[in-house]
Amino acid sequence: MATDSMRDVRSEALTIPRAGARQPMAAFLARPDRPGKYPGVVVIHEIFGLTENIREIARRFAREGYAALAVDLFSNGARPACLLRIFHGILVQPLKNGVVADLQQALEILQRRPEVDPGRVGVIGFCMGGTYALQLACVDGDLRAASVFYGQNPRPLDAVARACPIVGSYPSNDFTAISARRLEQALTRSKVPHDLKIYPGTWHGFFNASRSVYAPEAAADAWARTLSFFETHLRANPAG
């Protein structure tokens, strides 16, 4: 366990048990370094895995008063097998697949933490992680809010009718901009609270500060919108 005394954040590595005798999933937890019951957020990485960039996003949530659990979807076996499993869950069997089951297990572990208010939990994901954040938003009734960055829509799209409130951030120079427009229509039709924005002139991965496509102004705005949306629908909206 480590403490960032300059920013009042405590972090630690965890393992998430999985059903059967399968290898547990590695994870990284960041939370405020002071007593209290905090809203929780599951952080789902992009295709690069649980990188330092994703850990820093978890720490950023902790500095804002959240307990953030960043999962490692590539810790369940050989990377090619993990990728096959992940894309099978996106392209072949969305909404009901092993990756969603693992994420629900991670959410349950987060809710059991003594420093987490189990009635105030959400999810955020990037790229393929954003795709799974949307899937989780459609199938898990405990979620209060979901944030998606350039993810693909679930199939069938009508599944979003039972989703929690969703905030989404998309680049204009990317195929997921089409997904954003279709998602906007579906959420409006189903009267699901949402805030979706497409950022002109940006590319896939614009939120990742370690990449050449990083767009600092768009990233800052997307982060501010996410925090504002979570403040309304997650932090101030306990279950029931």
Protein backbone atom coordinates (compact mmCIF):
# COMPACT_ATOMS: atom_id res chain seq x y z
CA MET A 1 0.00 0.00 0.00
CA ALA A 2 1.34 3.43 -0.92
CA THR A 3 0.40 6.93 0.15
CA ASP A 4 0.76 10.05 -1.99
CA SER A 5 1.13 12.47 0.91
CA MET A 6 1.22 15.50 -1.40
CA ARG A 7 -2.23 14.75 -2.72
CA ASP A 8 -3.77 12.81 0.15
CA VAL A 9 -4.29 9.63 -1.91
CA ARG A 10 -3.78 6.03 -0.81
CA SER A 11 -3.31 3.29 -3.39
CA GLU A 12 -2.81 -0.47 -3.40
CA ALA A 13 -2.69 -3.47 -5.71
CA LEU A 14 -5.56 -5.96 -5.39
CA THR A 15 -6.70 -9.23 -6.91
CA ILE A 16 -10.31 -9.87 -7.87
CA PRO A 17 -11.50 -13.49 -7.37
CA ARG A 18 -13.27 -14.99 -10.36
CA ALA A 19 -15.78 -17.84 -10.63
CA GLY A 20 -14.43 -21.39 -10.59
CA ALA A 21 -10.72 -22.11 -10.52
CA ARG A 22 -9.78 -19.39 -13.00
CA GLN A 23 -6.88 -17.04 -12.43
CA PRO A 24 -7.87 -13.97 -10.38
CA MET A 25 -7.93 -10.55 -12.01
CA ALA A 26 -5.36 -7.97 -10.97
CA ALA A 27 -6.55 -4.48 -10.07
CA PHE A 28 -5.37 -1.14 -8.67
CA LEU A 29 -7.33 0.77 -6.02
CA ALA A 30 -6.90 4.47 -5.30
CA ARG A 31 -8.88 6.26 -2.61
CA PRO A 32 -8.72 9.35 -0.38
CA ASP A 33 -6.27 8.90 2.50
CA ARG A 34 -8.76 9.83 5.19
CA PRO A 35 -11.66 8.05 6.92
CA GLY A 36 -15.03 8.13 5.27
CA LYS A 37 -17.53 6.43 2.98
CA TYR A 38 -16.84 7.39 -0.61
CA PRO A 39 -18.63 6.81 -3.90
CA GLY A 40 -16.87 4.16 -5.97
CA VAL A 41 -15.87 3.99 -9.64
CA VAL A 42 -14.67 1.00 -11.67
CA VAL A 43 -12.10 2.11 -14.27
CA ILE A 44 -11.80 -0.03 -17.43
CA HIS A 45 -8.67 0.38 -19.53
CA GLU A 46 -8.18 0.66 -23.28
CA ILE A 47 -6.31 -1.89 -25.39
CA PHE A 48 -2.95 -0.97 -23.82
CA GLY A 49 -3.98 -2.55 -20.52
CA LEU A 50 -3.62 -1.32 -16.95
CA THR A 51 -0.97 1.27 -17.71
CA GLU A 52 0.36 4.11 -15.59
CA ASN A 53 -2.04 6.39 -17.48
CA ILE A 54 -5.02 4.36 -16.22
CA ARG A 55 -3.60 4.25 -12.69
CA GLU A 56 -3.29 8.02 -12.79
CA ILE A 57 -6.95 8.32 -13.82
CA ALA A 58 -7.82 6.24 -10.73
CA ARG A 59 -5.71 8.61 -8.60
CA ARG A 60 -7.43 11.61 -10.15
CA PHE A 61 -10.77 10.21 -9.05
CA ALA A 62 -9.35 9.65 -5.56
CA ARG A 63 -8.29 13.31 -5.39
CA GLU A 64 -11.89 14.20 -6.18
CA GLY A 65 -13.21 12.09 -3.29
CA TYR A 66 -13.89 8.74 -4.99
CA ALA A 67 -12.60 5.23 -4.41
CA ALA A 68 -11.50 4.09 -7.89
CA LEU A 69 -10.82 0.47 -8.81
CA ALA A 70 -8.90 0.07 -12.08
CA VAL A 71 -9.12 -3.51 -13.37
CA ASP A 72 -6.62 -5.39 -15.53
CA LEU A 73 -8.54 -7.41 -18.12
CA PHE A 74 -5.25 -8.80 -19.45
CA SER A 75 -4.27 -10.46 -16.16
CA ASN A 76 -6.51 -13.48 -16.70
CA GLY A 77 -4.12 -15.41 -18.94
CA ALA A 78 -2.04 -15.00 -22.10
CA ARG A 79 -2.65 -11.65 -23.79
CA PRO A 80 -3.82 -13.10 -27.16
CA ALA A 81 -6.39 -15.27 -25.36
CA CYS A 82 -7.55 -12.28 -23.30
CA LEU A 83 -7.95 -10.16 -26.43
CA LEU A 84 -9.90 -12.92 -28.16
CA ARG A 85 -12.21 -13.16 -25.15
CA ILE A 86 -12.65 -9.39 -25.00
CA PHE A 87 -13.50 -8.98 -28.69
CA HIS A 88 -15.78 -12.00 -28.64
CA GLY A 89 -17.75 -10.18 -25.94
CA ILE A 90 -17.90 -7.04 -28.10
CA LEU A 91 -18.59 -8.49 -31.54
CA VAL A 92 -20.24 -11.87 -30.97
CA GLN A 93 -21.93 -11.94 -27.58
CA PRO A 94 -22.42 -8.43 -26.21
CA LEU A 95 -24.17 -7.82 -22.87
CA LYS A 96 -23.93 -11.45 -21.73
CA ASN A 97 -20.28 -12.56 -21.68
CA GLY A 98 -17.44 -13.45 -19.37
CA VAL A 99 -15.87 -9.98 -19.40
CA VAL A 100 -19.10 -8.37 -18.18
CA ALA A 101 -19.30 -11.06 -15.49
CA ASP A 102 -15.75 -10.24 -14.37
CA LEU A 103 -16.55 -6.54 -14.27
CA GLN A 104 -19.65 -7.20 -12.17
CA GLN A 105 -17.44 -9.18 -9.79
CA ALA A 106 -15.03 -6.23 -9.60
CA LEU A 107 -17.95 -3.89 -8.90
CA GLU A 108 -19.14 -6.17 -6.11
CA ILE A 109 -15.66 -6.27 -4.56
CA LEU A 110 -15.54 -2.47 -4.70
CA GLN A 111 -18.94 -2.22 -3.02
CA ARG A 112 -17.73 -4.45 -0.18
CA ARG A 113 -14.81 -2.18 0.64
CA PRO A 114 -15.30 -0.51 4.05
CA GLU A 115 -14.45 2.93 2.62
CA VAL A 116 -17.04 2.66 -0.20
CA ASP A 117 -20.72 3.56 -0.08
CA PRO A 118 -22.21 0.57 -1.95
CA GLY A 119 -25.22 2.61 -3.01
CA ARG A 120 -23.09 5.08 -4.96
CA VAL A 121 -21.07 3.30 -7.63
CA GLY A 122 -20.30 4.04 -11.26
CA VAL A 123 -18.03 3.03 -14.13
CA ILE A 124 -15.76 4.71 -16.65
CA GLY A 125 -14.08 3.13 -19.67
CA PHE A 126 -11.86 4.03 -22.61
CA CYS A 127 -12.00 2.56 -26.14
CA MET A 128 -12.76 -1.15 -25.60
CA GLY A 129 -13.15 -0.25 -21.92
CA GLY A 130 -15.75 2.33 -22.94
CA THR A 131 -17.58 -0.36 -24.89
CA TYR A 132 -17.70 -2.51 -21.76
CA ALA A 133 -18.69 0.45 -19.58
CA LEU A 134 -21.75 0.81 -21.80
CA GLN A 135 -22.49 -2.91 -21.62
CA LEU A 136 -22.19 -2.85 -17.84
CA ALA A 137 -24.47 0.20 -17.69
CA CYS A 138 -27.18 -1.82 -19.46
CA VAL A 139 -27.05 -4.94 -17.29
CA ASP A 140 -26.08 -3.90 -13.75
CA GLY A 141 -28.80 -2.26 -11.69
CA ASP A 142 -26.38 -1.05 -9.00
CA LEU A 143 -24.67 1.51 -11.23
CA ARG A 144 -25.66 5.14 -10.69
CA ALA A 145 -23.71 6.58 -13.66
CA ALA A 146 -21.41 5.52 -16.50
CA SER A 147 -18.80 7.47 -18.46
CA VAL A 148 -17.72 6.25 -21.90
CA PHE A 149 -14.80 7.51 -23.95
CA TYR A 150 -14.92 6.52 -27.64
CA GLY A 151 -16.58 3.14 -27.07
CA GLN A 152 -18.85 1.11 -29.33
CA ASN A 153 -22.57 0.79 -28.65
CA PRO A 154 -24.07 -2.40 -27.21
CA ARG A 155 -26.17 -4.66 -29.39
CA PRO A 156 -29.08 -4.45 -29.54
CA LEU A 157 -28.94 -0.70 -29.06
CA ASP A 158 -32.39 -0.76 -27.48
CA ALA A 159 -30.70 -2.31 -24.42
CA VAL A 160 -29.74 1.23 -23.36
CA ALA A 161 -33.39 1.76 -22.39
CA ARG A 162 -32.52 0.13 -19.05
CA ALA A 163 -29.15 1.85 -18.65
CA CYS A 164 -28.10 4.17 -15.85
CA PRO A 165 -27.38 7.83 -16.73
CA ILE A 166 -24.53 8.08 -19.26
CA VAL A 167 -21.95 10.75 -20.04
CA GLY A 168 -19.95 10.20 -23.22
CA SER A 169 -16.95 11.85 -24.91
CA TYR A 170 -16.08 11.10 -28.54
CA PRO A 171 -13.57 12.32 -31.15
CA SER A 172 -14.91 13.66 -34.45
CA ASN A 173 -12.19 11.92 -36.48
CA ASP A 174 -13.22 8.40 -35.48
CA PHE A 175 -15.82 5.79 -36.34
CA THR A 176 -17.20 6.00 -32.79
CA ALA A 177 -18.61 9.44 -33.61
CA ILE A 178 -21.31 7.59 -35.53
CA SER A 179 -21.92 5.46 -32.43
CA ALA A 180 -22.29 8.64 -30.38
CA ARG A 181 -24.99 10.03 -32.66
CA ARG A 182 -26.94 6.78 -32.63
CA LEU A 183 -26.54 6.47 -28.87
CA GLU A 184 -27.82 10.03 -28.40
CA GLN A 185 -30.98 9.18 -30.31
CA ALA A 186 -31.54 5.93 -28.39
CA LEU A 187 -31.01 7.53 -24.97
CA THR A 188 -33.29 10.44 -25.84
CA ARG A 189 -35.95 8.05 -27.10
CA SER A 190 -35.73 6.02 -23.86
CA LYS A 191 -35.55 9.16 -21.67
CA VAL A 192 -32.27 8.05 -20.07
CA PRO A 193 -30.39 11.06 -18.60
CA HIS A 194 -27.25 11.66 -20.67
CA ASP A 195 -24.61 14.13 -21.80
CA LEU A 196 -22.82 13.16 -25.02
CA LYS A 197 -20.31 15.35 -26.81
CA ILE A 198 -18.25 14.95 -29.97
CA TYR A 199 -15.03 17.00 -29.93
CA PRO A 200 -14.17 18.58 -33.30
CA GLY A 201 -10.69 17.92 -34.67
CA THR A 202 -9.85 15.14 -32.20
CA TRP A 203 -8.82 11.54 -32.74
CA HIS A 204 -9.33 8.21 -31.04
CA GLY A 205 -7.42 8.27 -27.74
CA PHE A 206 -7.55 12.04 -27.29
CA PHE A 207 -7.85 11.67 -23.50
CA ASN A 208 -4.60 9.68 -23.14
CA ALA A 209 -1.81 12.11 -22.23
CA SER A 210 0.86 9.56 -23.21
CA ARG A 211 -0.20 9.46 -26.88
CA SER A 212 0.55 11.80 -29.78
CA VAL A 213 -3.19 12.29 -30.40
CA TYR A 214 -3.69 13.74 -26.92
CA ALA A 215 -5.88 16.86 -27.08
CA PRO A 216 -5.44 18.72 -23.76
CA GLU A 217 -8.33 21.16 -24.14
CA ALA A 218 -10.81 18.46 -25.16
CA ALA A 219 -9.48 16.13 -22.44
CA ALA A 220 -9.87 18.80 -19.77
CA ASP A 221 -13.43 19.55 -20.87
CA ALA A 222 -14.34 15.85 -21.01
CA TRP A 223 -12.95 15.31 -17.51
CA ALA A 224 -14.87 18.31 -16.14
CA ARG A 225 -18.09 17.07 -17.76
CA THR A 226 -17.55 13.59 -16.33
CA LEU A 227 -17.00 14.93 -12.82
CA SER A 228 -20.03 17.20 -13.06
CA PHE A 229 -22.23 14.38 -14.34
CA PHE A 230 -20.98 12.01 -11.63
CA GLU A 231 -21.56 14.69 -9.00
CA THR A 232 -25.21 14.89 -10.04
CA HIS A 233 -26.04 11.25 -10.71
CA LEU A 234 -23.58 9.31 -8.55
CA ARG A 235 -22.23 11.23 -5.58
CA ALA A 236 -25.54 12.93 -4.78
CA ASN A 237 -27.75 10.04 -5.85
CA PRO A 238 -27.49 7.00 -3.54
CA ALA A 239 -29.49 3.91 -4.39
CA GLY A 240 -33.13 4.18 -3.48
